[in-house]
């Protein structure tokens, strides 16, 4: 298996990223939308984020059940993360 130190570091960083999602959404909404639109846009994007989280949880479980391994879900998650990074880099 993986050494405990590597697992610990990975879990800490995943936790940090999960904790930052609300702040990142608020930052981008404040930067790219008029103040009058903040509440609606933040709520919409936060709801989309929560939907993505729910779909990811269910998707991981379904893929694990189908393959009896987390390899495929983790590979797909890495690919989706790369797409997200590219999308963030395209935001002016």
N, C-alpha and C. Protein backbone atom coordinates (compact mmCIF):
# COMPACT_ATOMS: atom_id res chain seq x y z
N UNK A 1 0.82 -1.20 0.00
CA UNK A 1 0.00 0.00 0.00
C UNK A 1 0.85 1.25 0.00
N UNK A 2 0.16 2.33 0.02
CA UNK A 2 0.82 3.65 0.04
C UNK A 2 1.33 3.96 1.44
N UNK A 3 2.47 4.63 1.52
CA UNK A 3 2.97 5.03 2.84
C UNK A 3 2.00 6.00 3.52
N UNK A 4 1.92 5.90 4.83
CA UNK A 4 1.00 6.73 5.61
C UNK A 4 1.23 8.21 5.36
N UNK A 5 2.47 8.64 5.23
CA UNK A 5 2.77 10.06 5.02
C UNK A 5 2.16 10.56 3.71
N UNK A 6 2.26 9.78 2.64
CA UNK A 6 1.70 10.20 1.34
C UNK A 6 0.19 10.27 1.40
N UNK A 7 -0.43 9.30 2.06
CA UNK A 7 -1.89 9.31 2.20
C UNK A 7 -2.33 10.52 3.01
N UNK A 8 -1.62 10.81 4.09
CA UNK A 8 -1.96 11.95 4.94
C UNK A 8 -1.87 13.25 4.17
N UNK A 9 -0.79 13.44 3.42
CA UNK A 9 -0.63 14.67 2.62
C UNK A 9 -1.75 14.79 1.59
N UNK A 10 -2.06 13.70 0.92
CA UNK A 10 -3.12 13.72 -0.10
C UNK A 10 -4.46 14.10 0.53
N UNK A 11 -4.79 13.53 1.67
CA UNK A 11 -6.06 13.81 2.33
C UNK A 11 -6.11 15.26 2.81
N UNK A 12 -5.02 15.78 3.34
CA UNK A 12 -4.99 17.17 3.79
C UNK A 12 -5.23 18.11 2.61
N UNK A 13 -4.57 17.87 1.47
CA UNK A 13 -4.74 18.75 0.33
C UNK A 13 -6.14 18.66 -0.27
N UNK A 14 -6.71 17.48 -0.31
CA UNK A 14 -8.09 17.35 -0.79
C UNK A 14 -9.02 18.13 0.14
N UNK A 15 -8.81 18.03 1.42
CA UNK A 15 -9.62 18.78 2.38
C UNK A 15 -9.49 20.29 2.19
N UNK A 16 -8.27 20.75 1.94
CA UNK A 16 -8.07 22.19 1.69
C UNK A 16 -8.81 22.63 0.44
N UNK A 17 -8.74 21.84 -0.60
CA UNK A 17 -9.44 22.18 -1.84
C UNK A 17 -10.94 22.21 -1.64
N UNK A 18 -11.48 21.27 -0.89
CA UNK A 18 -12.91 21.26 -0.64
C UNK A 18 -13.33 22.48 0.17
N UNK A 19 -12.49 22.91 1.06
CA UNK A 19 -12.80 24.09 1.87
C UNK A 19 -12.70 25.39 1.10
N UNK A 20 -11.97 25.40 0.00
CA UNK A 20 -11.77 26.63 -0.78
C UNK A 20 -12.85 26.86 -1.83
N UNK A 21 -13.67 25.87 -2.13
CA UNK A 21 -14.58 26.00 -3.26
C UNK A 21 -15.54 27.18 -3.10
N UNK A 22 -16.06 27.39 -1.90
CA UNK A 22 -16.99 28.51 -1.68
C UNK A 22 -16.27 29.83 -1.87
N UNK A 23 -15.05 29.96 -1.37
CA UNK A 23 -14.29 31.20 -1.51
C UNK A 23 -13.97 31.50 -2.97
N UNK A 24 -13.63 30.47 -3.73
CA UNK A 24 -13.29 30.65 -5.14
C UNK A 24 -14.52 31.09 -5.93
N UNK A 25 -15.66 30.48 -5.64
CA UNK A 25 -16.89 30.88 -6.32
C UNK A 25 -17.20 32.34 -6.01
N UNK A 26 -17.14 32.72 -4.75
CA UNK A 26 -17.42 34.11 -4.36
C UNK A 26 -16.45 35.07 -5.04
N UNK A 27 -15.18 34.71 -5.11
CA UNK A 27 -14.18 35.57 -5.76
C UNK A 27 -14.52 35.78 -7.23
N UNK A 28 -14.79 34.71 -7.95
CA UNK A 28 -15.07 34.85 -9.38
C UNK A 28 -16.38 35.59 -9.64
N UNK A 29 -17.39 35.34 -8.83
CA UNK A 29 -18.66 36.05 -9.01
C UNK A 29 -18.45 37.54 -8.74
N UNK A 30 -17.76 37.87 -7.68
CA UNK A 30 -17.51 39.29 -7.36
C UNK A 30 -16.69 39.97 -8.45
N UNK A 31 -15.80 39.23 -9.04
CA UNK A 31 -14.91 39.81 -10.05
C UNK A 31 -15.57 39.95 -11.42
N UNK A 32 -16.50 39.07 -11.77
CA UNK A 32 -17.02 39.01 -13.14
C UNK A 32 -18.49 39.39 -13.30
N UNK A 33 -19.18 39.63 -12.20
CA UNK A 33 -20.59 39.99 -12.31
C UNK A 33 -20.85 41.27 -11.52
N UNK A 34 -21.88 41.99 -11.92
CA UNK A 34 -22.26 43.22 -11.23
C UNK A 34 -22.75 42.88 -9.82
N UNK A 35 -22.57 43.81 -8.92
CA UNK A 35 -22.95 43.62 -7.52
C UNK A 35 -24.42 43.22 -7.38
N UNK A 36 -25.28 43.77 -8.23
CA UNK A 36 -26.71 43.45 -8.18
C UNK A 36 -26.98 41.98 -8.51
N UNK A 37 -26.07 41.33 -9.21
CA UNK A 37 -26.24 39.94 -9.62
C UNK A 37 -25.55 38.96 -8.68
N UNK A 38 -24.83 39.47 -7.69
CA UNK A 38 -23.99 38.60 -6.86
C UNK A 38 -24.77 37.45 -6.24
N UNK A 39 -25.88 37.76 -5.56
CA UNK A 39 -26.62 36.72 -4.84
C UNK A 39 -27.13 35.62 -5.75
N UNK A 40 -27.71 36.02 -6.87
CA UNK A 40 -28.25 35.04 -7.80
C UNK A 40 -27.13 34.21 -8.42
N UNK A 41 -26.07 34.86 -8.88
CA UNK A 41 -24.99 34.13 -9.53
C UNK A 41 -24.23 33.24 -8.56
N UNK A 42 -23.99 33.75 -7.34
CA UNK A 42 -23.31 32.92 -6.35
C UNK A 42 -24.16 31.70 -6.02
N UNK A 43 -25.45 31.92 -5.79
CA UNK A 43 -26.34 30.80 -5.48
C UNK A 43 -26.40 29.78 -6.60
N UNK A 44 -26.48 30.25 -7.83
CA UNK A 44 -26.53 29.35 -8.98
C UNK A 44 -25.25 28.53 -9.11
N UNK A 45 -24.10 29.21 -9.04
CA UNK A 45 -22.83 28.50 -9.19
C UNK A 45 -22.54 27.57 -8.01
N UNK A 46 -22.96 27.99 -6.81
CA UNK A 46 -22.77 27.13 -5.65
C UNK A 46 -23.65 25.88 -5.77
N UNK A 47 -24.89 26.05 -6.25
CA UNK A 47 -25.78 24.90 -6.46
C UNK A 47 -25.19 23.95 -7.50
N UNK A 48 -24.63 24.50 -8.57
CA UNK A 48 -23.98 23.67 -9.59
C UNK A 48 -22.80 22.91 -8.99
N UNK A 49 -22.04 23.59 -8.13
CA UNK A 49 -20.91 22.95 -7.46
C UNK A 49 -21.38 21.80 -6.57
N UNK A 50 -22.46 22.02 -5.83
CA UNK A 50 -22.99 20.96 -4.97
C UNK A 50 -23.52 19.79 -5.80
N UNK A 51 -24.15 20.09 -6.92
CA UNK A 51 -24.62 19.04 -7.81
C UNK A 51 -23.44 18.21 -8.33
N UNK A 52 -22.37 18.89 -8.72
CA UNK A 52 -21.17 18.18 -9.17
C UNK A 52 -20.59 17.30 -8.07
N UNK A 53 -20.59 17.81 -6.84
CA UNK A 53 -20.11 17.01 -5.71
C UNK A 53 -20.96 15.76 -5.54
N UNK A 54 -22.28 15.92 -5.58
CA UNK A 54 -23.18 14.78 -5.41
C UNK A 54 -22.99 13.77 -6.54
N UNK A 55 -22.89 14.26 -7.77
CA UNK A 55 -22.70 13.35 -8.90
C UNK A 55 -21.36 12.62 -8.81
N UNK A 56 -20.34 13.33 -8.32
CA UNK A 56 -19.03 12.70 -8.15
C UNK A 56 -19.06 11.58 -7.13
N UNK A 57 -19.75 11.81 -6.03
CA UNK A 57 -19.85 10.80 -4.98
C UNK A 57 -20.57 9.56 -5.52
N UNK A 58 -21.70 9.79 -6.16
CA UNK A 58 -22.47 8.66 -6.72
C UNK A 58 -21.67 7.97 -7.82
N UNK A 59 -21.03 8.78 -8.68
CA UNK A 59 -20.24 8.21 -9.78
C UNK A 59 -19.08 7.35 -9.28
N UNK A 60 -18.37 7.83 -8.26
CA UNK A 60 -17.28 7.04 -7.69
C UNK A 60 -17.80 5.71 -7.19
N UNK A 61 -18.94 5.75 -6.47
CA UNK A 61 -19.51 4.53 -5.93
C UNK A 61 -19.94 3.56 -7.01
N UNK A 62 -20.61 4.07 -8.04
CA UNK A 62 -21.06 3.21 -9.15
C UNK A 62 -19.87 2.59 -9.89
N UNK A 63 -18.85 3.41 -10.14
CA UNK A 63 -17.67 2.87 -10.84
C UNK A 63 -16.92 1.86 -9.99
N UNK A 64 -16.86 2.11 -8.68
CA UNK A 64 -16.23 1.12 -7.81
C UNK A 64 -17.02 -0.20 -7.84
N UNK A 65 -18.35 -0.08 -7.73
CA UNK A 65 -19.17 -1.29 -7.76
C UNK A 65 -18.99 -2.06 -9.06
N UNK A 66 -18.84 -1.34 -10.16
CA UNK A 66 -18.71 -1.99 -11.47
C UNK A 66 -17.34 -2.63 -11.68
N UNK A 67 -16.30 -2.02 -11.08
CA UNK A 67 -14.93 -2.48 -11.35
C UNK A 67 -14.24 -3.09 -10.13
N UNK A 68 -14.82 -2.91 -8.95
CA UNK A 68 -14.22 -3.33 -7.67
C UNK A 68 -12.83 -2.72 -7.47
N UNK A 69 -12.68 -1.51 -7.98
CA UNK A 69 -11.41 -0.79 -7.86
C UNK A 69 -11.70 0.70 -7.95
N UNK A 70 -10.85 1.49 -7.30
CA UNK A 70 -10.95 2.95 -7.42
C UNK A 70 -10.05 3.50 -8.52
N UNK A 71 -9.35 2.63 -9.24
CA UNK A 71 -8.44 3.09 -10.28
C UNK A 71 -9.15 3.93 -11.34
N UNK A 72 -10.21 3.42 -11.94
CA UNK A 72 -10.91 4.15 -12.99
C UNK A 72 -11.52 5.46 -12.48
N UNK A 73 -12.22 5.46 -11.34
CA UNK A 73 -12.75 6.74 -10.85
C UNK A 73 -11.65 7.77 -10.59
N UNK A 74 -10.52 7.34 -10.06
CA UNK A 74 -9.44 8.29 -9.79
C UNK A 74 -8.81 8.81 -11.08
N UNK A 75 -8.67 7.96 -12.07
CA UNK A 75 -8.14 8.40 -13.37
C UNK A 75 -9.10 9.40 -14.00
N UNK A 76 -10.39 9.09 -13.97
CA UNK A 76 -11.38 10.02 -14.52
C UNK A 76 -11.39 11.34 -13.75
N UNK A 77 -11.29 11.27 -12.43
CA UNK A 77 -11.27 12.48 -11.61
C UNK A 77 -10.05 13.34 -11.96
N UNK A 78 -8.91 12.70 -12.19
CA UNK A 78 -7.72 13.44 -12.60
C UNK A 78 -7.91 14.14 -13.93
N UNK A 79 -8.55 13.46 -14.89
CA UNK A 79 -8.84 14.07 -16.18
C UNK A 79 -9.81 15.23 -16.06
N UNK A 80 -10.84 15.06 -15.24
CA UNK A 80 -11.81 16.13 -15.03
C UNK A 80 -11.14 17.31 -14.33
N UNK A 81 -10.25 17.03 -13.40
CA UNK A 81 -9.51 18.11 -12.74
C UNK A 81 -8.67 18.89 -13.74
N UNK A 82 -8.06 18.21 -14.68
CA UNK A 82 -7.28 18.90 -15.72
C UNK A 82 -8.17 19.81 -16.56
N UNK A 83 -9.36 19.35 -16.89
CA UNK A 83 -10.31 20.18 -17.65
C UNK A 83 -10.69 21.40 -16.82
N UNK A 84 -10.93 21.20 -15.52
CA UNK A 84 -11.27 22.33 -14.65
C UNK A 84 -10.13 23.34 -14.58
N UNK A 85 -8.90 22.86 -14.50
CA UNK A 85 -7.75 23.76 -14.46
C UNK A 85 -7.67 24.57 -15.74
N UNK A 86 -7.85 23.92 -16.88
CA UNK A 86 -7.83 24.64 -18.16
C UNK A 86 -8.95 25.67 -18.24
N UNK A 87 -10.13 25.31 -17.74
CA UNK A 87 -11.24 26.26 -17.75
C UNK A 87 -10.93 27.47 -16.88
N UNK A 88 -10.36 27.25 -15.69
CA UNK A 88 -9.96 28.36 -14.83
C UNK A 88 -8.94 29.26 -15.51
N UNK A 89 -8.00 28.67 -16.21
CA UNK A 89 -6.97 29.46 -16.88
C UNK A 89 -7.53 30.29 -18.03
N UNK A 90 -8.68 29.90 -18.56
CA UNK A 90 -9.32 30.66 -19.65
C UNK A 90 -10.15 31.84 -19.14
N UNK A 91 -10.40 31.90 -17.83
CA UNK A 91 -11.17 33.02 -17.28
C UNK A 91 -10.28 34.25 -17.23
N UNK A 92 -10.74 35.34 -17.84
CA UNK A 92 -9.88 36.55 -17.84
C UNK A 92 -9.76 37.18 -16.46
